[in-house]
């Protein structure tokens, strides 16, 4: 058996109006959860000098609108905070984790494949909560590649992309 490697394919997607609104809400919720976890971790550390793992589920009761978006996007925001703290601890020159800003031209969120919740079929990409989104698939995915996750992003000019991460044996 060979080593497992990852490869990403990026495709342009064409969401309808409702999907664009869902993506905008998801980008905002992801940013909110990232910043909230960062704030709470800093406060907990200053109080106890210890770190604490905080999950997005803790905020859903106080902020019920977080339930409207894909939960994996919020969990990935939590993992991004943990990764930023880990990088800072290993190498302080990377800088202390920074808050996410609304003004960033590029917005994105990542969702993971669980129980077939993401599929690529017949020129459409099925995403959690969003349903089927039109995709311009300009190349085929080789046989034996297993989908792991999809990152949905919007660039500064309003174009949407799906970056699909696949695992394969080399």
C-alpha atoms as a PDB file:
ATOM      1  CA  UNK A   1       0.000   0.000   0.000  1.00  0.00           C
ATOM      2  CA  UNK A   2       1.231   3.450  -0.899  1.00  0.00           C
ATOM      3  CA  UNK A   3       1.102   6.626   1.127  1.00  0.00           C
ATOM      4  CA  UNK A   4      -2.177   8.522   1.257  1.00  0.00           C
ATOM      5  CA  UNK A   5      -1.892  11.946  -0.327  1.00  0.00           C
ATOM      6  CA  UNK A   6      -4.296  14.840  -0.769  1.00  0.00           C
ATOM      7  CA  UNK A   7      -5.137  16.801  -3.885  1.00  0.00           C
ATOM      8  CA  UNK A   8      -7.556  19.703  -4.275  1.00  0.00           C
ATOM      9  CA  UNK A   9      -9.596  20.627  -7.328  1.00  0.00           C
ATOM     10  CA  UNK A  10     -11.085  24.103  -7.596  1.00  0.00           C
ATOM     11  CA  UNK A  11     -14.235  24.684  -9.612  1.00  0.00           C
ATOM     12  CA  UNK A  12     -16.414  27.712 -10.215  1.00  0.00           C
ATOM     13  CA  UNK A  13     -19.900  27.349  -8.751  1.00  0.00           C
ATOM     14  CA  UNK A  14     -23.071  29.266  -9.573  1.00  0.00           C
ATOM     15  CA  UNK A  15     -25.369  29.474  -6.545  1.00  0.00           C
ATOM     16  CA  UNK A  16     -28.923  30.784  -6.871  1.00  0.00           C
ATOM     17  CA  UNK A  17     -30.108  33.771  -4.785  1.00  0.00           C
ATOM     18  CA  UNK A  18     -31.124  31.660  -1.738  1.00  0.00           C
ATOM     19  CA  UNK A  19     -27.831  29.772  -1.810  1.00  0.00           C
ATOM     20  CA  UNK A  20     -25.900  33.052  -2.011  1.00  0.00           C
ATOM     21  CA  UNK A  21     -27.779  34.268   1.077  1.00  0.00           C
ATOM     22  CA  UNK A  22     -27.035  31.005   2.901  1.00  0.00           C
ATOM     23  CA  UNK A  23     -23.347  31.263   1.973  1.00  0.00           C
ATOM     24  CA  UNK A  24     -23.245  34.881   3.222  1.00  0.00           C
ATOM     25  CA  UNK A  25     -24.852  33.814   6.527  1.00  0.00           C
ATOM     26  CA  UNK A  26     -22.421  30.904   6.798  1.00  0.00           C
ATOM     27  CA  UNK A  27     -19.403  33.157   6.172  1.00  0.00           C
ATOM     28  CA  UNK A  28     -20.685  35.521   8.887  1.00  0.00           C
ATOM     29  CA  UNK A  29     -21.462  32.763  11.392  1.00  0.00           C
ATOM     30  CA  UNK A  30     -18.075  31.162  10.812  1.00  0.00           C
ATOM     31  CA  UNK A  31     -16.353  34.497  11.439  1.00  0.00           C
ATOM     32  CA  UNK A  32     -18.532  35.122  14.530  1.00  0.00           C
ATOM     33  CA  UNK A  33     -17.752  31.691  16.032  1.00  0.00           C
ATOM     34  CA  UNK A  34     -14.024  32.057  15.300  1.00  0.00           C
ATOM     35  CA  UNK A  35     -13.885  35.476  16.993  1.00  0.00           C
ATOM     36  CA  UNK A  36     -16.095  34.377  19.914  1.00  0.00           C
ATOM     37  CA  UNK A  37     -13.983  31.283  20.627  1.00  0.00           C
ATOM     38  CA  UNK A  38     -10.818  33.379  20.356  1.00  0.00           C
ATOM     39  CA  UNK A  39     -12.204  35.944  22.831  1.00  0.00           C
ATOM     40  CA  UNK A  40     -13.366  33.270  25.290  1.00  0.00           C
ATOM     41  CA  UNK A  41     -10.070  31.370  25.108  1.00  0.00           C
ATOM     42  CA  UNK A  42      -8.092  34.552  25.766  1.00  0.00           C
ATOM     43  CA  UNK A  43     -10.339  35.448  28.737  1.00  0.00           C
ATOM     44  CA  UNK A  44     -10.110  31.918  30.175  1.00  0.00           C
ATOM     45  CA  UNK A  45      -6.317  31.899  29.807  1.00  0.00           C
ATOM     46  CA  UNK A  46      -5.924  35.299  31.480  1.00  0.00           C
ATOM     47  CA  UNK A  47      -8.084  34.088  34.367  1.00  0.00           C
ATOM     48  CA  UNK A  48      -6.594  30.604  34.886  1.00  0.00           C
ATOM     49  CA  UNK A  49      -3.343  30.498  32.885  1.00  0.00           C
ATOM     50  CA  UNK A  50      -4.708  27.314  31.280  1.00  0.00           C
ATOM     51  CA  UNK A  51      -6.171  26.596  27.863  1.00  0.00           C
ATOM     52  CA  UNK A  52      -9.666  25.323  27.303  1.00  0.00           C
ATOM     53  CA  UNK A  53     -11.311  23.628  24.332  1.00  0.00           C
ATOM     54  CA  UNK A  54     -14.487  25.497  23.418  1.00  0.00           C
ATOM     55  CA  UNK A  55     -16.979  24.066  20.922  1.00  0.00           C
ATOM     56  CA  UNK A  56     -19.484  25.977  18.774  1.00  0.00           C
ATOM     57  CA  UNK A  57     -22.363  23.952  20.280  1.00  0.00           C
ATOM     58  CA  UNK A  58     -21.929  26.014  23.448  1.00  0.00           C
ATOM     59  CA  UNK A  59     -23.090  29.149  21.623  1.00  0.00           C
ATOM     60  CA  UNK A  60     -26.146  27.772  19.796  1.00  0.00           C
ATOM     61  CA  UNK A  61     -28.544  28.343  22.692  1.00  0.00           C
ATOM     62  CA  UNK A  62     -27.525  31.977  23.175  1.00  0.00           C
ATOM     63  CA  UNK A  63     -27.309  32.592  19.425  1.00  0.00           C
ATOM     64  CA  UNK A  64     -30.017  30.424  17.800  1.00  0.00           C
ATOM     65  CA  UNK A  65     -29.261  31.774  14.313  1.00  0.00           C
ATOM     66  CA  UNK A  66     -26.097  29.648  14.367  1.00  0.00           C
ATOM     67  CA  UNK A  67     -28.367  26.618  13.833  1.00  0.00           C
ATOM     68  CA  UNK A  68     -29.312  27.910  10.367  1.00  0.00           C
ATOM     69  CA  UNK A  69     -25.897  27.148   8.858  1.00  0.00           C
ATOM     70  CA  UNK A  70     -23.811  24.030   8.311  1.00  0.00           C
ATOM     71  CA  UNK A  71     -22.476  22.857  11.693  1.00  0.00           C
ATOM     72  CA  UNK A  72     -19.273  21.536  10.096  1.00  0.00           C
ATOM     73  CA  UNK A  73     -18.397  25.085   9.017  1.00  0.00           C
ATOM     74  CA  UNK A  74     -18.575  26.158  12.661  1.00  0.00           C
ATOM     75  CA  UNK A  75     -16.569  23.163  13.881  1.00  0.00           C
ATOM     76  CA  UNK A  76     -13.888  23.962  11.318  1.00  0.00           C
ATOM     77  CA  UNK A  77     -13.770  27.535  12.685  1.00  0.00           C
ATOM     78  CA  UNK A  78     -13.081  26.038  16.126  1.00  0.00           C
ATOM     79  CA  UNK A  79     -10.294  23.872  14.656  1.00  0.00           C
ATOM     80  CA  UNK A  80      -8.822  26.949  12.953  1.00  0.00           C
ATOM     81  CA  UNK A  81      -8.619  28.750  16.328  1.00  0.00           C
ATOM     82  CA  UNK A  82      -6.949  25.728  17.912  1.00  0.00           C
ATOM     83  CA  UNK A  83      -4.503  25.518  15.008  1.00  0.00           C
ATOM     84  CA  UNK A  84      -3.684  29.245  15.296  1.00  0.00           C
ATOM     85  CA  UNK A  85      -2.949  28.852  19.022  1.00  0.00           C
ATOM     86  CA  UNK A  86      -0.856  25.736  18.341  1.00  0.00           C
ATOM     87  CA  UNK A  87       1.181  27.568  15.710  1.00  0.00           C
ATOM     88  CA  UNK A  88       1.697  30.480  18.095  1.00  0.00           C
ATOM     89  CA  UNK A  89       2.867  28.170  20.901  1.00  0.00           C
ATOM     90  CA  UNK A  90       5.307  26.322  18.607  1.00  0.00           C
ATOM     91  CA  UNK A  91       6.646  29.456  16.985  1.00  0.00           C
ATOM     92  CA  UNK A  92       5.733  32.804  18.610  1.00  0.00           C
ATOM     93  CA  UNK A  93       7.106  34.624  15.543  1.00  0.00           C
ATOM     94  CA  UNK A  94       3.957  33.577  13.670  1.00  0.00           C
ATOM     95  CA  UNK A  95       2.137  36.070  15.843  1.00  0.00           C
ATOM     96  CA  UNK A  96      -0.779  35.799  18.226  1.00  0.00           C
ATOM     97  CA  UNK A  97      -4.040  34.632  16.602  1.00  0.00           C
ATOM     98  CA  UNK A  98      -5.893  37.536  14.996  1.00  0.00           C
ATOM     99  CA  UNK A  99      -9.591  38.268  14.805  1.00  0.00           C
ATOM    100  CA  UNK A 100     -11.365  37.754  11.489  1.00  0.00           C
ATOM    101  CA  UNK A 101     -12.677  40.905   9.869  1.00  0.00           C
ATOM    102  CA  UNK A 102     -15.858  41.450   7.896  1.00  0.00           C
ATOM    103  CA  UNK A 103     -13.945  43.603   5.432  1.00  0.00           C
ATOM    104  CA  UNK A 104     -11.831  40.795   3.998  1.00  0.00           C
ATOM    105  CA  UNK A 105     -12.365  40.529   0.236  1.00  0.00           C
ATOM    106  CA  UNK A 106     -12.215  36.725   0.287  1.00  0.00           C
ATOM    107  CA  UNK A 107     -14.695  34.864   2.445  1.00  0.00           C
ATOM    108  CA  UNK A 108     -14.839  31.117   2.893  1.00  0.00           C
ATOM    109  CA  UNK A 109     -15.948  28.166   4.946  1.00  0.00           C
ATOM    110  CA  UNK A 110     -15.059  24.485   4.919  1.00  0.00           C
ATOM    111  CA  UNK A 111     -17.424  21.565   5.344  1.00  0.00           C
ATOM    112  CA  UNK A 112     -16.428  17.923   5.740  1.00  0.00           C
ATOM    113  CA  UNK A 113     -17.858  14.829   4.112  1.00  0.00           C
ATOM    114  CA  UNK A 114     -19.936  12.826   6.600  1.00  0.00           C
ATOM    115  CA  UNK A 115     -22.334  10.047   5.570  1.00  0.00           C
ATOM    116  CA  UNK A 116     -22.538  11.196   1.958  1.00  0.00           C
ATOM    117  CA  UNK A 117     -23.679  14.745   2.754  1.00  0.00           C
ATOM    118  CA  UNK A 118     -21.535  16.071  -0.127  1.00  0.00           C
ATOM    119  CA  UNK A 119     -21.817  14.691  -3.661  1.00  0.00           C
ATOM    120  CA  UNK A 120     -20.714  15.685  -7.129  1.00  0.00           C
ATOM    121  CA  UNK A 121     -23.158  14.466  -9.790  1.00  0.00           C
ATOM    122  CA  UNK A 122     -24.550  15.592 -13.142  1.00  0.00           C
ATOM    123  CA  UNK A 123     -22.987  19.055 -13.142  1.00  0.00           C
ATOM    124  CA  UNK A 124     -24.158  19.826  -9.620  1.00  0.00           C
ATOM    125  CA  UNK A 125     -22.498  19.800  -6.220  1.00  0.00           C
ATOM    126  CA  UNK A 126     -24.654  18.810  -3.255  1.00  0.00           C
ATOM    127  CA  UNK A 127     -23.686  20.748  -0.121  1.00  0.00           C
ATOM    128  CA  UNK A 128     -25.154  20.543   3.402  1.00  0.00           C
ATOM    129  CA  UNK A 129     -28.033  23.027   3.942  1.00  0.00           C
ATOM    130  CA  UNK A 130     -27.535  24.509   0.441  1.00  0.00           C
ATOM    131  CA  UNK A 131     -28.681  21.534  -1.623  1.00  0.00           C
ATOM    132  CA  UNK A 132     -27.539  21.221  -5.235  1.00  0.00           C
ATOM    133  CA  UNK A 133     -25.384  24.062  -6.586  1.00  0.00           C
ATOM    134  CA  UNK A 134     -24.504  24.356 -10.299  1.00  0.00           C
ATOM    135  CA  UNK A 135     -20.815  23.732 -10.896  1.00  0.00           C
ATOM    136  CA  UNK A 136     -18.527  24.164 -13.885  1.00  0.00           C
ATOM    137  CA  UNK A 137     -16.544  20.955 -13.685  1.00  0.00           C
ATOM    138  CA  UNK A 138     -13.853  21.498 -16.303  1.00  0.00           C
ATOM    139  CA  UNK A 139     -11.894  18.344 -15.445  1.00  0.00           C
ATOM    140  CA  UNK A 140     -12.778  14.888 -14.236  1.00  0.00           C
ATOM    141  CA  UNK A 141     -11.828  13.407 -10.887  1.00  0.00           C
ATOM    142  CA  UNK A 142      -9.701  10.241 -11.250  1.00  0.00           C
ATOM    143  CA  UNK A 143     -11.111   6.868 -10.143  1.00  0.00           C
ATOM    144  CA  UNK A 144     -10.172   5.924  -6.602  1.00  0.00           C
ATOM    145  CA  UNK A 145     -10.065   9.495  -5.279  1.00  0.00           C
ATOM    146  CA  UNK A 146     -12.128   9.890  -2.078  1.00  0.00           C
ATOM    147  CA  UNK A 147     -13.717  13.257  -1.292  1.00  0.00           C
ATOM    148  CA  UNK A 148     -12.780  14.578   2.171  1.00  0.00           C
ATOM    149  CA  UNK A 149     -13.993  18.177   2.316  1.00  0.00           C
ATOM    150  CA  UNK A 150     -15.179  21.176   0.316  1.00  0.00           C
ATOM    151  CA  UNK A 151     -14.247  24.808   0.881  1.00  0.00           C
ATOM    152  CA  UNK A 152     -16.770  27.274  -0.497  1.00  0.00           C
ATOM    153  CA  UNK A 153     -15.291  30.705  -1.134  1.00  0.00           C
ATOM    154  CA  UNK A 154     -16.300  34.053  -2.559  1.00  0.00           C
ATOM    155  CA  UNK A 155     -13.691  36.380  -4.016  1.00  0.00           C
ATOM    156  CA  UNK A 156     -13.699  40.171  -3.999  1.00  0.00           C
ATOM    157  CA  UNK A 157     -15.609  40.397  -7.285  1.00  0.00           C
ATOM    158  CA  UNK A 158     -18.441  38.150  -6.061  1.00  0.00           C
ATOM    159  CA  UNK A 159     -17.501  34.920  -7.841  1.00  0.00           C
ATOM    160  CA  UNK A 160     -18.014  31.679  -5.934  1.00  0.00           C
ATOM    161  CA  UNK A 161     -15.692  28.668  -5.971  1.00  0.00           C
ATOM    162  CA  UNK A 162     -15.668  25.193  -4.473  1.00  0.00           C
ATOM    163  CA  UNK A 163     -12.284  23.741  -3.635  1.00  0.00           C
ATOM    164  CA  UNK A 164     -12.742  20.001  -3.227  1.00  0.00           C
ATOM    165  CA  UNK A 165     -10.117  18.071  -1.261  1.00  0.00           C
ATOM    166  CA  UNK A 166      -9.597  14.438  -2.254  1.00  0.00           C
ATOM    167  CA  UNK A 167      -7.477  11.684  -0.693  1.00  0.00           C
ATOM    168  CA  UNK A 168      -5.768   9.095  -2.889  1.00  0.00           C
ATOM    169  CA  UNK A 169      -3.103   6.428  -2.613  1.00  0.00           C
ATOM    170  CA  UNK A 170       0.171   7.199  -4.348  1.00  0.00           C
END
